[in-house]
Amino acid sequence: MEKTIKYIEIFEYYRDKILNGEMVYGEKLPTEQEIGELFSVSRHTVRQSILELEKQGYIYRERSKGAYVDKLEKSKKTKSKMIIVITTYVSEYIFPFLIKGIEEVLSKNGYDILLLSTNNEKQKEREQLKKLLEYDVVGAIIEPTASALGNTNEDYYKEISNNNIPYLMINAAYDKDKQSYVAIDDEKGGYTICKYLIDLGHKRIAGLFKEDDVQGIERKKGYLRALEENNIEIDSTIVGKFKTFEEDFYIDGFTRSLLCRNDRPTAIFCYNDKVAIKVVKVAEELGLKIPEDLSIVGYDNDATVSAVLDCGITTISHPKEELGKKAAEMLLRLINGEQEKVSYIFEPEIVVKNSVKRI
């Protein structure tokens, strides 16, 4: 998956330089070795991107001499087929799968994609939205950055709309009444997995939630609703909340203090599977076994993360690739003028493994 992302990244890097006029007809591209060193990839991955550039008419190759920028067809200059995809991250966790779904649909329909990431930083989002406005694009798929902190880049989003560039939000939205979006029902997901713990006899259920993303806020709402509906007293001292930049040290410290209490919880609901793995590691360092001594649930059903545990992690499934495909399909409807606003919400599904014990 990482190799696929890198191949796309290299292709788009040189394609954009050619389309933007930074590289001109007859200009020689760096050697395969130089490109490989620049992107820290194998020559095989570089060749994949070079072949794609040649196939799409951006470059031509001369035996023993190298690759050169080709003359652009008029249609390439005048009619863009580029769609920008902005996500918080690109090559980790669930994002490669999500991007794969987007790419599959858009490439089948003749569109190129340019991947950009924000690292969940508002200033970085601003920089990427600026690029979106500078490039010749026909649409965009955007994951909001630190979505629970409000839309601090609203001026750029207004400019995107004023320029008649259709865009669609994924995983969350700043304004669901005005923006098109594709997401999962995170409130219901939080409720579902907390209710599962309650049904297995757990009453002292701790929670660890991200508070700068809407997903974390919604999952926490579902968790609290499940406790309230089942007349379980909410103990705010066992409900942790963290922001992106403090995730690692907060989770470690909070989990240690939680598990060293005399009245420690019997179960912990983690914001996602990545957080769940960090909690598991702390628990094991303290001599606790999962699920014998502590039950843990996560969110997203990330196979690479869950594989760390022999028992796996009971979790809520994130549609990942399917969400990416759905987002791409709906953006195409916006681009083609079939609809002015679209939205789709995936229903959460629980994936039961062996990280929860009945008590």
Protein backbone atom coordinates (compact mmCIF):
# COMPACT_ATOMS: atom_id res chain seq x y z
CA MET A 1 0.00 0.00 0.00
CA GLU A 2 2.85 2.38 0.88
CA LYS A 3 4.49 1.66 -2.50
CA THR A 4 1.24 2.50 -4.29
CA ILE A 5 0.97 5.82 -2.47
CA LYS A 6 4.60 6.69 -3.32
CA TYR A 7 4.15 5.82 -6.99
CA ILE A 8 1.14 8.15 -7.16
CA GLU A 9 3.01 10.84 -5.23
CA ILE A 10 5.95 10.83 -7.69
CA PHE A 11 3.66 10.80 -10.73
CA GLU A 12 1.63 13.74 -9.42
CA TYR A 13 4.72 15.68 -8.34
CA TYR A 14 6.14 15.79 -11.88
CA ARG A 15 2.75 16.02 -13.61
CA ASP A 16 1.92 19.13 -11.58
CA LYS A 17 5.31 20.72 -12.34
CA ILE A 18 4.64 20.18 -16.05
CA LEU A 19 1.04 21.44 -15.94
CA ASN A 20 2.04 24.50 -13.93
CA GLY A 21 4.87 25.37 -16.31
CA GLU A 22 7.63 24.77 -13.77
CA MET A 23 9.03 22.18 -16.18
CA VAL A 24 8.88 22.96 -19.90
CA TYR A 25 9.02 21.08 -23.19
CA GLY A 26 12.38 19.40 -23.73
CA GLU A 27 13.50 19.74 -20.11
CA LYS A 28 15.14 16.60 -18.78
CA LEU A 29 13.78 14.87 -15.69
CA PRO A 30 16.20 13.78 -12.95
CA THR A 31 17.57 10.25 -13.29
CA GLU A 32 15.72 7.29 -11.78
CA GLN A 33 18.38 7.09 -9.07
CA GLU A 34 18.01 10.79 -8.23
CA ILE A 35 14.21 10.53 -8.06
CA GLY A 36 14.51 7.41 -5.90
CA GLU A 37 16.79 9.23 -3.47
CA LEU A 38 14.49 12.28 -3.40
CA PHE A 39 11.42 10.19 -2.49
CA SER A 40 13.24 7.39 -0.61
CA VAL A 41 11.82 4.65 -2.86
CA SER A 42 13.16 1.84 -5.03
CA ARG A 43 13.96 2.30 -8.73
CA HIS A 44 11.07 -0.06 -9.50
CA THR A 45 8.62 2.39 -7.90
CA VAL A 46 10.24 5.27 -9.81
CA ARG A 47 9.87 3.37 -13.10
CA GLN A 48 6.16 2.85 -12.40
CA SER A 49 5.63 6.59 -12.11
CA ILE A 50 7.82 7.35 -15.17
CA LEU A 51 5.84 4.86 -17.27
CA GLU A 52 2.57 6.45 -16.15
CA LEU A 53 3.86 9.95 -17.03
CA GLU A 54 4.83 8.65 -20.47
CA LYS A 55 1.54 6.80 -20.93
CA GLN A 56 -0.45 9.97 -20.21
CA GLY A 57 1.66 12.05 -22.58
CA TYR A 58 3.54 14.24 -20.12
CA ILE A 59 7.02 12.97 -21.01
CA TYR A 60 8.89 11.03 -23.69
CA ARG A 61 11.94 8.83 -23.23
CA GLU A 62 15.09 8.47 -25.30
CA ARG A 63 17.15 5.30 -25.01
CA SER A 64 20.28 5.76 -22.90
CA LYS A 65 19.56 9.47 -22.48
CA GLY A 66 16.62 9.70 -20.09
CA ALA A 67 13.13 11.21 -19.86
CA TYR A 68 12.10 14.63 -21.17
CA VAL A 69 9.02 16.85 -20.87
CA ASP A 70 6.78 16.36 -23.91
CA LYS A 71 4.61 18.93 -25.69
CA LEU A 72 1.26 19.09 -23.93
CA GLU A 73 -1.85 18.45 -25.93
CA LYS A 74 -4.15 21.46 -26.06
CA SER A 75 -6.83 19.49 -24.23
CA LYS A 76 -4.46 18.90 -21.31
CA LYS A 77 -3.79 22.61 -21.04
CA THR A 78 -7.36 23.80 -21.37
CA LYS A 79 -9.47 21.11 -19.75
CA SER A 80 -8.27 19.95 -16.38
CA LYS A 81 -9.15 16.49 -15.10
CA MET A 82 -7.45 16.99 -11.77
CA ILE A 83 -9.17 16.44 -8.43
CA ILE A 84 -7.43 17.36 -5.19
CA VAL A 85 -7.80 15.06 -2.19
CA ILE A 86 -6.91 16.60 1.18
CA THR A 87 -6.81 14.29 4.21
CA THR A 88 -5.35 14.69 7.68
CA TYR A 89 -2.90 11.88 6.93
CA VAL A 90 -1.99 9.94 3.78
CA SER A 91 0.14 6.88 4.40
CA GLU A 92 -0.85 5.65 7.86
CA TYR A 93 -3.69 3.92 9.68
CA ILE A 94 -6.96 3.72 7.64
CA PHE A 95 -6.01 6.41 5.12
CA PRO A 96 -4.27 4.31 2.42
CA PHE A 97 -7.44 2.20 2.15
CA LEU A 98 -9.69 5.25 1.98
CA ILE A 99 -7.49 6.84 -0.71
CA LYS A 100 -7.41 3.58 -2.66
CA GLY A 101 -11.21 3.68 -2.88
CA ILE A 102 -11.19 7.29 -4.07
CA GLU A 103 -8.47 6.64 -6.66
CA GLU A 104 -10.20 3.54 -8.03
CA VAL A 105 -13.41 5.40 -8.90
CA LEU A 106 -11.80 8.61 -10.15
CA SER A 107 -9.20 6.89 -12.34
CA LYS A 108 -11.92 4.74 -13.95
CA ASN A 109 -13.66 7.98 -14.88
CA GLY A 110 -10.54 9.54 -16.38
CA TYR A 111 -9.57 11.84 -13.51
CA ASP A 112 -6.16 12.38 -11.94
CA ILE A 113 -5.79 12.98 -8.21
CA LEU A 114 -3.36 15.11 -6.26
CA LEU A 115 -2.94 13.98 -2.64
CA LEU A 116 -2.29 16.55 0.07
CA SER A 117 -2.26 16.17 3.87
CA THR A 118 -2.66 18.52 6.83
CA ASN A 119 -1.36 16.47 9.80
CA ASN A 120 -4.56 17.74 11.47
CA GLU A 121 -3.04 21.25 11.71
CA LYS A 122 -5.21 24.28 10.86
CA GLN A 123 -2.33 26.28 9.33
CA LYS A 124 -1.38 23.31 7.15
CA GLU A 125 -4.99 23.02 6.01
CA ARG A 126 -4.87 26.70 5.02
CA GLU A 127 -1.73 26.09 2.95
CA GLN A 128 -3.34 23.14 1.14
CA LEU A 129 -6.57 25.06 0.44
CA LYS A 130 -4.42 27.84 -1.05
CA LYS A 131 -2.86 25.26 -3.40
CA LEU A 132 -6.34 24.05 -4.31
CA LEU A 133 -7.24 27.59 -5.40
CA GLU A 134 -3.99 28.04 -7.31
CA TYR A 135 -4.19 24.78 -9.26
CA ASP A 136 -6.46 24.08 -12.20
CA VAL A 137 -8.81 21.59 -10.55
CA VAL A 138 -12.37 20.46 -11.26
CA GLY A 139 -13.22 19.33 -7.74
CA ALA A 140 -11.96 18.30 -4.32
CA ILE A 141 -12.49 15.74 -1.58
CA ILE A 142 -11.52 17.18 1.80
CA GLU A 143 -11.29 15.79 5.31
CA PRO A 144 -11.80 18.67 7.76
CA THR A 145 -8.84 19.44 10.01
CA ALA A 146 -9.40 19.46 13.78
CA SER A 147 -13.07 19.63 12.88
CA ALA A 148 -14.34 20.14 16.44
CA LEU A 149 -12.42 23.42 16.72
CA GLY A 150 -14.49 25.15 14.06
CA ASN A 151 -13.73 26.28 10.53
CA THR A 152 -10.90 28.79 10.92
CA ASN A 153 -10.31 28.72 7.16
CA GLU A 154 -13.88 29.60 6.21
CA ASP A 155 -12.66 32.44 3.95
CA TYR A 156 -10.86 29.93 1.71
CA TYR A 157 -13.86 27.60 1.62
CA LYS A 158 -16.03 30.54 0.55
CA GLU A 159 -13.53 31.37 -2.20
CA ILE A 160 -13.60 27.74 -3.38
CA SER A 161 -17.40 27.93 -3.63
CA ASN A 162 -17.24 31.35 -5.34
CA ASN A 163 -14.92 29.81 -7.93
CA ASN A 164 -17.55 27.11 -8.55
CA ILE A 165 -15.22 24.29 -7.52
CA PRO A 166 -17.38 21.41 -6.22
CA TYR A 167 -16.04 19.81 -3.05
CA LEU A 168 -17.15 17.11 -0.66
CA MET A 169 -16.12 16.48 2.97
CA ILE A 170 -15.26 13.03 4.32
CA ASN A 171 -15.42 11.54 7.85
CA ALA A 172 -16.93 14.79 9.17
CA ALA A 173 -18.00 18.25 8.00
CA TYR A 174 -17.74 21.77 9.36
CA ASP A 175 -21.35 22.53 8.42
CA LYS A 176 -23.55 19.56 7.50
CA ASP A 177 -26.42 21.87 6.51
CA LYS A 178 -24.37 23.58 3.81
CA GLN A 179 -21.56 21.17 2.87
CA SER A 180 -21.74 17.90 0.97
CA TYR A 181 -20.23 15.04 2.96
CA VAL A 182 -19.79 11.29 3.44
CA ALA A 183 -19.29 10.00 6.99
CA ILE A 184 -20.11 7.26 9.45
CA ASP A 185 -22.69 7.71 12.23
CA ASP A 186 -20.14 8.08 15.01
CA GLU A 187 -22.66 8.87 17.74
CA LYS A 188 -24.47 5.64 17.00
CA GLY A 189 -21.15 3.80 16.78
CA GLY A 190 -20.13 5.05 20.21
CA TYR A 191 -23.50 4.05 21.62
CA THR A 192 -23.40 0.60 20.01
CA ILE A 193 -20.03 -0.45 21.35
CA CYS A 194 -20.64 0.96 24.84
CA LYS A 195 -24.00 -0.84 24.97
CA TYR A 196 -22.16 -4.04 24.01
CA LEU A 197 -19.95 -3.64 27.09
CA ILE A 198 -22.97 -2.95 29.28
CA ASP A 199 -24.76 -6.05 27.97
CA LEU A 200 -21.74 -8.13 29.04
CA GLY A 201 -22.08 -6.85 32.60
CA HIS A 202 -19.70 -3.88 32.61
CA LYS A 203 -20.78 -0.81 34.53
CA ARG A 204 -17.50 0.91 35.32
CA ILE A 205 -16.52 1.82 31.76
CA ALA A 206 -13.78 4.37 31.16
CA GLY A 207 -13.55 6.39 27.95
CA LEU A 208 -10.64 7.94 26.03
CA PHE A 209 -11.75 10.42 23.37
CA LYS A 210 -10.13 12.83 20.96
CA GLU A 211 -11.64 16.27 21.48
CA ASP A 212 -10.36 18.28 18.50
CA ASP A 213 -12.15 16.10 15.92
CA VAL A 214 -15.93 15.85 15.52
CA GLN A 215 -15.61 12.06 15.39
CA GLY A 216 -14.32 12.02 18.97
CA ILE A 217 -17.07 14.34 20.18
CA GLU A 218 -19.76 12.17 18.54
CA ARG A 219 -18.34 8.89 19.82
CA LYS A 220 -18.24 10.32 23.33
CA LYS A 221 -21.89 11.43 22.99
CA GLY A 222 -22.86 7.88 22.09
CA TYR A 223 -20.87 6.49 25.03
CA LEU A 224 -22.58 8.87 27.47
CA ARG A 225 -26.03 8.14 26.02
CA ALA A 226 -25.54 4.40 26.51
CA LEU A 227 -24.54 4.92 30.15
CA GLU A 228 -27.45 7.29 30.83
CA GLU A 229 -30.07 5.04 29.20
CA ASN A 230 -28.88 2.14 31.35
CA ASN A 231 -28.89 4.19 34.57
CA ILE A 232 -25.12 3.91 35.02
CA GLU A 233 -23.59 6.79 36.93
CA ILE A 234 -21.12 8.79 34.85
CA ASP A 235 -17.77 9.26 36.60
CA SER A 236 -15.98 12.14 34.88
CA THR A 237 -12.67 11.12 36.49
CA ILE A 238 -12.49 8.03 34.25
CA VAL A 239 -13.33 9.90 31.03
CA GLY A 240 -10.20 11.18 29.33
CA LYS A 241 -9.98 13.65 26.44
CA PHE A 242 -6.97 14.66 24.38
CA LYS A 243 -5.97 16.72 21.35
CA THR A 244 -3.92 15.47 18.39
CA PHE A 245 -0.60 16.98 19.48
CA GLU A 246 -0.77 15.51 23.00
CA GLU A 247 -2.09 12.06 22.10
CA ASP A 248 0.92 9.89 22.98
CA PHE A 249 1.92 11.29 26.36
CA TYR A 250 -1.67 11.92 27.48
CA ILE A 251 -2.83 8.37 26.77
CA ASP A 252 0.16 6.86 28.54
CA GLY A 253 -0.24 9.02 31.64
CA PHE A 254 -4.02 8.82 31.85
CA THR A 255 -4.09 5.05 31.38
CA ARG A 256 -1.45 4.48 34.05
CA SER A 257 -3.31 6.60 36.60
CA LEU A 258 -6.59 4.89 35.65
CA LEU A 259 -5.27 1.35 36.04
CA CYS A 260 -3.45 2.05 39.31
CA ARG A 261 -6.67 3.09 41.07
CA ASN A 262 -8.26 0.81 43.64
CA ASP A 263 -11.56 1.27 41.82
CA ARG A 264 -10.13 0.86 38.34
CA PRO A 265 -12.60 0.36 35.48
CA THR A 266 -13.42 -3.10 34.17
CA ALA A 267 -13.47 -1.83 30.57
CA ILE A 268 -12.08 1.04 28.49
CA PHE A 269 -13.69 2.45 25.34
CA CYS A 270 -10.90 3.87 23.18
CA TYR A 271 -11.38 6.57 20.53
CA ASN A 272 -9.88 4.30 17.87
CA ASP A 273 -7.82 1.14 17.44
CA LYS A 274 -4.53 3.07 17.51
CA VAL A 275 -5.41 4.40 20.96
CA ALA A 276 -6.55 0.93 22.02
CA ILE A 277 -3.15 -0.57 21.22
CA LYS A 278 -1.42 2.11 23.31
CA VAL A 279 -3.76 1.32 26.21
CA VAL A 280 -3.07 -2.40 25.83
CA LYS A 281 0.69 -1.81 26.02
CA VAL A 282 0.37 0.20 29.24
CA ALA A 283 -1.94 -2.44 30.74
CA GLU A 284 0.51 -5.22 29.91
CA GLU A 285 3.41 -3.23 31.40
CA LEU A 286 1.37 -3.05 34.61
CA GLY A 287 0.90 -6.84 34.56
CA LEU A 288 -2.73 -6.86 33.41
CA LYS A 289 -4.02 -9.34 30.86
CA ILE A 290 -6.56 -8.61 28.11
CA PRO A 291 -9.42 -9.53 28.51
CA GLU A 292 -8.98 -11.47 31.78
CA ASP A 293 -8.13 -8.39 33.86
CA LEU A 294 -9.31 -5.59 31.60
CA SER A 295 -11.68 -5.38 28.63
CA ILE A 296 -10.85 -3.00 25.80
CA VAL A 297 -12.78 -1.85 22.73
CA GLY A 298 -11.65 0.37 19.88
CA TYR A 299 -13.04 1.93 16.72
CA ASP A 300 -12.30 1.69 12.95
CA ASN A 301 -11.45 -2.05 12.70
CA ASP A 302 -7.93 -1.42 11.42
CA ALA A 303 -6.46 -4.84 10.62
CA THR A 304 -2.82 -3.73 10.90
CA VAL A 305 -3.39 -2.38 14.41
CA SER A 306 -5.63 -5.18 15.66
CA ALA A 307 -3.06 -7.75 14.49
CA VAL A 308 -0.77 -6.64 17.32
CA LEU A 309 -3.08 -8.44 19.75
CA ASP A 310 -3.53 -12.21 19.48
CA CYS A 311 -7.13 -11.82 20.60
CA GLY A 312 -7.80 -8.86 18.31
CA ILE A 313 -9.79 -5.82 19.40
CA THR A 314 -13.58 -5.65 19.50
CA THR A 315 -14.30 -2.53 17.50
CA ILE A 316 -16.63 -0.59 15.22
CA SER A 317 -15.93 -1.15 11.54
CA HIS A 318 -14.95 1.90 9.47
CA PRO A 319 -15.93 1.41 5.80
CA LYS A 320 -12.58 2.87 4.65
CA GLU A 321 -12.33 1.84 0.97
CA GLU A 322 -16.11 1.85 0.51
CA LEU A 323 -16.31 5.33 2.03
CA GLY A 324 -13.62 6.46 -0.40
CA LYS A 325 -15.52 5.01 -3.36
CA LYS A 326 -18.79 6.56 -2.22
CA ALA A 327 -17.13 9.97 -1.76
CA ALA A 328 -15.65 9.84 -5.27
CA GLU A 329 -18.97 8.77 -6.82
CA MET A 330 -20.83 11.58 -5.08
CA LEU A 331 -18.22 14.18 -6.03
CA LEU A 332 -18.62 13.17 -9.67
CA ARG A 333 -22.35 13.84 -9.35
CA LEU A 334 -21.52 17.35 -8.11
CA ILE A 335 -19.01 17.91 -10.92
CA ASN A 336 -21.50 16.72 -13.54
CA GLY A 337 -24.18 19.04 -12.17
CA GLU A 338 -26.54 16.20 -11.26
CA GLN A 339 -26.99 17.57 -7.71
CA GLU A 340 -26.03 20.73 -5.84
CA LYS A 341 -25.57 19.05 -2.45
CA VAL A 342 -25.15 15.42 -1.50
CA SER A 343 -24.65 13.47 1.71
CA TYR A 344 -24.35 9.86 2.79
CA ILE A 345 -24.01 8.35 6.26
CA PHE A 346 -22.70 4.81 6.78
CA GLU A 347 -24.29 2.78 9.55
CA PRO A 348 -21.77 1.56 12.16
CA GLU A 349 -21.24 -2.18 12.53
CA ILE A 350 -19.65 -3.85 15.54
CA VAL A 351 -16.87 -6.37 14.93
CA VAL A 352 -16.64 -8.74 17.89
CA LYS A 353 -13.26 -10.26 18.67
CA ASN A 354 -11.82 -11.43 21.99
CA SER A 355 -10.80 -8.30 23.89
CA VAL A 356 -13.94 -8.19 26.07
CA LYS A 357 -14.81 -10.46 28.99
CA ARG A 358 -18.31 -11.09 30.32
CA ILE A 359 -18.50 -10.24 34.02
